Structures are given as C-alpha cells and as structure tokens.
Amino acid sequence: QVQLVESGGGLVQPGGSLRLSCAASGSLFSSYRMNWYRQAPGKQRELVAGISRVGTADYADSVKGRFTISRDNAKNTLYHQMNSLKPEDTAVYYCNLALGALSISWGQGNQVTVSS
C-alpha cells in the first residue's frame, strides 16, 4: 500500500502563489501516474492536473497557464505549483496515485484558501 502525505496548503491573496507537495512511501512511485484533484464546498471532486510516469502533464482548462504539476521520481515526490490564484481556486486539494484510470491511493487533503 502506497501512502501519500501532502503539505504546503494555506491562505493566500488573489494573484498569489502556493506550492503543494505530496510525498509517497515505498519504491513504486515512479511506476504510477500521479494526479491532483480538488473539491470545493458543495461541489464534486474534480481533476485539476495529471502527470505520467515519464513527465507528460495535462491540465483542466480552468488552470492551464497558471498551475504546473511536476514530479521528482528520485525523491518520490509530486509537486503542484499554483500561480495567479483566484478565489474560485479555493478547495481541498488531494494528490492521487493511479494506474491508468484506476485510483490506487489518495493523500489526506490540503486546504487552499484564496481570499483577500
């Protein structure tokens, strides 16, 4: 069982930046696709960004050009750089380890609040 531990959330003003990290246990991190999801109050969880084992990234239209997903397989760590944050980005963010479309493990969730 791979465990995912997130860090880096918090409160930021509109237009600001935050970086989330997700550290994975075990030695299989590099074999899996990794994703970031978010869930805002009263809304369904949505896929924000994903990155393949070899580093190919894709993004939801709402965050393209503002968010960057990356991974360091040597450190078993996933990153999520979020720039130009908007109030509508406020949500709990979850990292996710997946084998194709099959979710294997979830992080504990990390609150990101964008407010002045």
N, C-alpha and C. Protein backbone atom coordinates (compact mmCIF):
# COMPACT_ATOMS: atom_id res chain seq x y z
N GLN A 1 0.84 -1.18 0.00
CA GLN A 1 0.00 0.00 0.00
C GLN A 1 0.89 1.24 0.00
N VAL A 2 0.69 2.12 -0.98
CA VAL A 2 1.44 3.36 -1.05
C VAL A 2 0.72 4.42 -0.26
N GLN A 3 1.42 5.09 0.63
CA GLN A 3 0.83 6.18 1.39
C GLN A 3 1.31 7.50 0.84
N LEU A 4 0.39 8.47 0.77
CA LEU A 4 0.68 9.79 0.24
C LEU A 4 0.45 10.82 1.34
N VAL A 5 1.46 11.67 1.58
CA VAL A 5 1.37 12.71 2.60
C VAL A 5 1.58 14.07 1.95
N GLU A 6 0.57 14.92 2.08
CA GLU A 6 0.60 16.23 1.44
C GLU A 6 1.08 17.32 2.40
N SER A 7 1.62 18.38 1.81
CA SER A 7 1.99 19.56 2.59
C SER A 7 1.92 20.79 1.69
N GLY A 8 1.85 21.97 2.33
CA GLY A 8 2.01 23.21 1.57
C GLY A 8 0.78 24.05 1.35
N GLY A 9 -0.36 23.66 1.84
CA GLY A 9 -1.55 24.48 1.63
C GLY A 9 -1.56 25.70 2.53
N GLY A 10 -2.65 26.47 2.47
CA GLY A 10 -2.78 27.63 3.34
C GLY A 10 -3.64 28.71 2.74
N LEU A 11 -3.48 29.91 3.30
CA LEU A 11 -4.25 31.08 2.88
C LEU A 11 -3.37 31.99 2.04
N VAL A 12 -3.89 32.43 0.92
CA VAL A 12 -3.14 33.32 0.04
C VAL A 12 -4.09 34.34 -0.57
N GLN A 13 -3.58 35.51 -0.87
CA GLN A 13 -4.40 36.55 -1.50
C GLN A 13 -4.57 36.27 -2.99
N PRO A 14 -5.64 36.78 -3.58
CA PRO A 14 -5.81 36.62 -5.03
C PRO A 14 -4.58 37.15 -5.77
N GLY A 15 -4.16 36.38 -6.78
CA GLY A 15 -2.95 36.71 -7.53
C GLY A 15 -1.69 36.12 -6.96
N GLY A 16 -1.79 35.53 -5.78
CA GLY A 16 -0.61 34.95 -5.13
C GLY A 16 -0.32 33.55 -5.61
N SER A 17 0.69 32.94 -4.96
CA SER A 17 1.16 31.61 -5.36
C SER A 17 1.28 30.69 -4.15
N LEU A 18 1.13 29.41 -4.41
CA LEU A 18 1.37 28.37 -3.41
C LEU A 18 1.95 27.17 -4.12
N ARG A 19 2.72 26.38 -3.39
CA ARG A 19 3.19 25.11 -3.93
C ARG A 19 2.81 23.99 -2.99
N LEU A 20 2.13 23.01 -3.53
CA LEU A 20 1.77 21.81 -2.78
C LEU A 20 2.79 20.71 -3.08
N SER A 21 3.06 19.90 -2.07
CA SER A 21 3.92 18.73 -2.23
C SER A 21 3.17 17.49 -1.78
N CYS A 22 3.55 16.37 -2.34
CA CYS A 22 2.93 15.08 -1.99
C CYS A 22 4.04 14.05 -1.97
N ALA A 23 4.38 13.57 -0.78
CA ALA A 23 5.45 12.58 -0.63
C ALA A 23 4.85 11.18 -0.56
N ALA A 24 5.42 10.28 -1.34
CA ALA A 24 4.91 8.91 -1.40
C ALA A 24 5.87 7.95 -0.71
N SER A 25 5.30 6.99 0.01
CA SER A 25 6.11 5.94 0.62
C SER A 25 6.36 4.82 -0.38
N GLY A 26 7.32 3.97 -0.10
CA GLY A 26 7.56 2.83 -0.96
C GLY A 26 8.42 3.15 -2.16
N SER A 27 8.60 2.14 -3.01
CA SER A 27 9.53 2.26 -4.13
C SER A 27 8.86 2.23 -5.49
N LEU A 28 7.52 2.30 -5.51
CA LEU A 28 6.81 2.15 -6.78
C LEU A 28 6.30 3.48 -7.34
N PHE A 29 6.66 4.59 -6.70
CA PHE A 29 6.14 5.90 -7.11
C PHE A 29 6.36 6.14 -8.59
N SER A 30 7.56 5.83 -9.08
CA SER A 30 7.90 6.14 -10.47
C SER A 30 7.12 5.30 -11.48
N SER A 31 6.43 4.28 -11.00
CA SER A 31 5.69 3.40 -11.91
C SER A 31 4.26 3.86 -12.17
N TYR A 32 3.82 4.88 -11.45
CA TYR A 32 2.43 5.27 -11.49
C TYR A 32 2.22 6.68 -12.03
N ARG A 33 1.06 6.88 -12.64
CA ARG A 33 0.58 8.21 -12.95
C ARG A 33 0.19 8.90 -11.65
N MET A 34 0.41 10.20 -11.59
CA MET A 34 0.02 10.99 -10.41
C MET A 34 -0.90 12.12 -10.84
N ASN A 35 -1.86 12.42 -9.98
CA ASN A 35 -2.85 13.45 -10.28
C ASN A 35 -3.06 14.37 -9.08
N TRP A 36 -3.52 15.57 -9.37
CA TRP A 36 -4.06 16.46 -8.34
C TRP A 36 -5.54 16.66 -8.62
N TYR A 37 -6.35 16.46 -7.59
CA TYR A 37 -7.78 16.74 -7.62
C TYR A 37 -8.06 17.86 -6.63
N ARG A 38 -9.24 18.46 -6.75
CA ARG A 38 -9.70 19.41 -5.75
C ARG A 38 -11.20 19.28 -5.56
N GLN A 39 -11.63 19.67 -4.37
CA GLN A 39 -13.05 19.64 -4.06
C GLN A 39 -13.41 20.90 -3.29
N ALA A 40 -14.25 21.71 -3.90
CA ALA A 40 -14.74 22.92 -3.26
C ALA A 40 -16.02 22.59 -2.49
N PRO A 41 -16.37 23.41 -1.50
CA PRO A 41 -17.59 23.16 -0.72
C PRO A 41 -18.81 23.06 -1.61
N GLY A 42 -19.58 21.98 -1.43
CA GLY A 42 -20.81 21.80 -2.19
C GLY A 42 -20.62 21.34 -3.62
N LYS A 43 -19.38 21.04 -3.99
CA LYS A 43 -19.11 20.61 -5.37
C LYS A 43 -18.46 19.23 -5.39
N GLN A 44 -18.52 18.62 -6.57
CA GLN A 44 -17.87 17.32 -6.73
C GLN A 44 -16.36 17.48 -6.86
N ARG A 45 -15.66 16.43 -6.50
CA ARG A 45 -14.21 16.43 -6.68
C ARG A 45 -13.90 16.46 -8.17
N GLU A 46 -12.95 17.31 -8.56
CA GLU A 46 -12.61 17.44 -9.97
C GLU A 46 -11.10 17.25 -10.18
N LEU A 47 -10.77 16.71 -11.34
CA LEU A 47 -9.37 16.52 -11.72
C LEU A 47 -8.80 17.85 -12.19
N VAL A 48 -7.69 18.25 -11.60
CA VAL A 48 -7.06 19.52 -11.92
C VAL A 48 -5.88 19.34 -12.87
N ALA A 49 -5.04 18.35 -12.56
CA ALA A 49 -3.84 18.12 -13.37
C ALA A 49 -3.37 16.69 -13.18
N GLY A 50 -2.67 16.17 -14.18
CA GLY A 50 -2.11 14.84 -14.09
C GLY A 50 -0.76 14.79 -14.77
N ILE A 51 0.07 13.83 -14.35
CA ILE A 51 1.40 13.69 -14.94
C ILE A 51 1.72 12.21 -15.08
N SER A 52 2.22 11.85 -16.24
CA SER A 52 2.54 10.44 -16.49
C SER A 52 3.84 10.05 -15.79
N ARG A 53 4.17 8.78 -15.89
CA ARG A 53 5.41 8.28 -15.28
C ARG A 53 6.64 8.99 -15.84
N VAL A 54 6.57 9.38 -17.10
CA VAL A 54 7.73 9.99 -17.74
C VAL A 54 7.65 11.51 -17.79
N GLY A 55 6.62 12.08 -17.17
CA GLY A 55 6.57 13.52 -17.02
C GLY A 55 5.67 14.29 -17.97
N THR A 56 4.86 13.59 -18.74
CA THR A 56 3.92 14.29 -19.62
C THR A 56 2.73 14.78 -18.79
N ALA A 57 2.48 16.09 -18.85
CA ALA A 57 1.46 16.70 -17.99
C ALA A 57 0.24 17.13 -18.80
N ASP A 58 -0.91 17.12 -18.13
CA ASP A 58 -2.12 17.67 -18.72
C ASP A 58 -2.92 18.37 -17.63
N TYR A 59 -3.76 19.33 -18.04
CA TYR A 59 -4.42 20.22 -17.11
C TYR A 59 -5.88 20.44 -17.47
N ALA A 60 -6.68 20.74 -16.45
CA ALA A 60 -8.04 21.22 -16.69
C ALA A 60 -7.95 22.61 -17.32
N ASP A 61 -8.92 22.93 -18.15
CA ASP A 61 -8.91 24.23 -18.83
C ASP A 61 -8.87 25.38 -17.83
N SER A 62 -9.50 25.20 -16.68
CA SER A 62 -9.62 26.28 -15.70
C SER A 62 -8.28 26.67 -15.08
N VAL A 63 -7.26 25.82 -15.19
CA VAL A 63 -5.98 26.11 -14.54
C VAL A 63 -4.82 26.18 -15.52
N LYS A 64 -5.07 25.93 -16.79
CA LYS A 64 -3.99 25.96 -17.79
C LYS A 64 -3.31 27.32 -17.78
N GLY A 65 -1.97 27.29 -17.81
CA GLY A 65 -1.21 28.53 -17.82
C GLY A 65 -0.96 29.11 -16.44
N ARG A 66 -1.64 28.58 -15.42
CA ARG A 66 -1.45 29.09 -14.05
C ARG A 66 -0.85 28.05 -13.13
N PHE A 67 -1.21 26.78 -13.32
CA PHE A 67 -0.74 25.69 -12.46
C PHE A 67 0.26 24.83 -13.21
N THR A 68 1.24 24.29 -12.48
CA THR A 68 2.22 23.39 -13.06
C THR A 68 2.39 22.18 -12.16
N ILE A 69 2.17 21.01 -12.73
CA ILE A 69 2.40 19.76 -12.00
C ILE A 69 3.77 19.22 -12.39
N SER A 70 4.48 18.68 -11.42
CA SER A 70 5.79 18.09 -11.72
C SER A 70 6.06 16.98 -10.72
N ARG A 71 7.06 16.18 -11.02
CA ARG A 71 7.39 15.07 -10.12
C ARG A 71 8.89 14.87 -10.10
N ASP A 72 9.36 14.40 -8.96
CA ASP A 72 10.77 14.03 -8.78
C ASP A 72 10.77 12.56 -8.36
N ASN A 73 11.00 11.69 -9.32
CA ASN A 73 10.93 10.26 -9.02
C ASN A 73 12.03 9.81 -8.07
N ALA A 74 13.16 10.51 -8.06
CA ALA A 74 14.25 10.15 -7.15
C ALA A 74 13.87 10.44 -5.70
N LYS A 75 12.99 11.43 -5.51
CA LYS A 75 12.55 11.80 -4.16
C LYS A 75 11.16 11.28 -3.82
N ASN A 76 10.56 10.53 -4.76
CA ASN A 76 9.19 10.03 -4.54
C ASN A 76 8.22 11.16 -4.18
N THR A 77 8.33 12.28 -4.87
CA THR A 77 7.54 13.45 -4.52
C THR A 77 6.88 14.07 -5.74
N LEU A 78 5.63 14.46 -5.55
CA LEU A 78 4.84 15.16 -6.55
C LEU A 78 4.68 16.61 -6.10
N TYR A 79 4.70 17.52 -7.07
CA TYR A 79 4.57 18.94 -6.76
C TYR A 79 3.43 19.57 -7.56
N HIS A 80 2.93 20.67 -7.03
CA HIS A 80 1.87 21.40 -7.72
C HIS A 80 2.09 22.88 -7.46
N GLN A 81 2.69 23.56 -8.44
CA GLN A 81 2.92 24.99 -8.33
C GLN A 81 1.69 25.72 -8.84
N MET A 82 1.11 26.55 -7.98
CA MET A 82 -0.12 27.27 -8.34
C MET A 82 0.16 28.76 -8.31
N ASN A 83 0.06 29.40 -9.45
CA ASN A 83 0.29 30.83 -9.58
C ASN A 83 -0.99 31.54 -9.99
N SER A 84 -1.00 32.86 -9.83
CA SER A 84 -2.16 33.69 -10.22
C SER A 84 -3.45 33.11 -9.65
N LEU A 85 -3.41 32.79 -8.37
CA LEU A 85 -4.56 32.13 -7.75
C LEU A 85 -5.78 33.05 -7.70
N LYS A 86 -6.94 32.42 -7.84
CA LYS A 86 -8.21 33.11 -7.85
C LYS A 86 -9.08 32.59 -6.71
N PRO A 87 -10.04 33.37 -6.25
CA PRO A 87 -10.94 32.87 -5.19
C PRO A 87 -11.62 31.56 -5.56
N GLU A 88 -11.91 31.36 -6.83
CA GLU A 88 -12.55 30.12 -7.25
C GLU A 88 -11.63 28.90 -7.21
N ASP A 89 -10.34 29.12 -6.93
CA ASP A 89 -9.41 28.00 -6.73
C ASP A 89 -9.49 27.47 -5.30
N THR A 90 -10.23 28.14 -4.44
CA THR A 90 -10.37 27.69 -3.06
C THR A 90 -11.01 26.32 -3.01
N ALA A 91 -10.31 25.38 -2.35
CA ALA A 91 -10.78 23.99 -2.30
C ALA A 91 -9.83 23.19 -1.43
N VAL A 92 -10.22 21.96 -1.14
CA VAL A 92 -9.30 21.00 -0.58
C VAL A 92 -8.66 20.27 -1.76
N TYR A 93 -7.34 20.24 -1.77
CA TYR A 93 -6.59 19.62 -2.86
C TYR A 93 -6.07 18.26 -2.40
N TYR A 94 -6.20 17.28 -3.29
CA TYR A 94 -5.80 15.91 -2.99
C TYR A 94 -4.82 15.41 -4.05
N CYS A 95 -3.74 14.80 -3.63
CA CYS A 95 -2.92 14.09 -4.60
C CYS A 95 -3.43 12.65 -4.71
N ASN A 96 -3.19 12.09 -5.86
CA ASN A 96 -3.77 10.78 -6.19
C ASN A 96 -2.76 9.98 -7.01
N LEU A 97 -2.60 8.73 -6.64
CA LEU A 97 -1.73 7.82 -7.37
C LEU A 97 -2.63 6.86 -8.14
N ALA A 98 -2.37 6.73 -9.42
CA ALA A 98 -3.28 5.97 -10.27
C ALA A 98 -2.54 5.05 -11.22
N LEU A 99 -3.20 3.95 -11.55
CA LEU A 99 -2.74 3.04 -12.59
C LEU A 99 -3.75 3.15 -13.72
N GLY A 100 -3.43 3.96 -14.68
CA GLY A 100 -4.41 4.28 -15.72
C GLY A 100 -5.56 5.05 -15.10
N ALA A 101 -6.76 4.54 -15.27
CA ALA A 101 -7.95 5.18 -14.71
C ALA A 101 -8.28 4.65 -13.32
N LEU A 102 -7.50 3.74 -12.82
CA LEU A 102 -7.77 3.11 -11.52
C LEU A 102 -7.02 3.85 -10.43
N SER A 103 -7.75 4.42 -9.46
CA SER A 103 -7.11 5.08 -8.33
C SER A 103 -6.57 4.05 -7.35
N ILE A 104 -5.32 4.25 -6.96
CA ILE A 104 -4.66 3.32 -6.04
C ILE A 104 -4.61 3.90 -4.63
N SER A 105 -4.31 5.21 -4.54
CA SER A 105 -4.14 5.81 -3.22
C SER A 105 -4.44 7.30 -3.30
N TRP A 106 -4.86 7.87 -2.14
CA TRP A 106 -5.15 9.30 -2.04
C TRP A 106 -4.37 9.91 -0.88
N GLY A 107 -3.99 11.17 -1.05
CA GLY A 107 -3.45 11.93 0.06
C GLY A 107 -4.56 12.34 1.01
N GLN A 108 -4.17 12.94 2.13
CA GLN A 108 -5.14 13.28 3.16
C GLN A 108 -5.94 14.54 2.84
N GLY A 109 -5.53 15.29 1.86
CA GLY A 109 -6.20 16.54 1.51
C GLY A 109 -5.54 17.72 2.18
N ASN A 110 -5.49 18.83 1.48
CA ASN A 110 -4.83 20.03 1.97
C ASN A 110 -5.66 21.25 1.56
N GLN A 111 -6.04 22.06 2.54
CA GLN A 111 -6.89 23.21 2.27
C GLN A 111 -6.09 24.35 1.63
N VAL A 112 -6.62 24.85 0.52
CA VAL A 112 -6.09 26.05 -0.12
C VAL A 112 -7.22 27.08 -0.14
N THR A 113 -6.96 28.24 0.48
CA THR A 113 -7.96 29.30 0.53
C THR A 113 -7.39 30.55 -0.12
N VAL A 114 -8.12 31.06 -1.11
CA VAL A 114 -7.68 32.27 -1.82
C VAL A 114 -8.68 33.38 -1.46
N SER A 115 -8.20 34.34 -0.68
CA SER A 115 -9.09 35.38 -0.19
C SER A 115 -8.29 36.61 0.22
N SER A 116 -8.91 37.76 0.05
CA SER A 116 -8.27 38.99 0.49
C SER A 116 -8.72 39.36 1.90
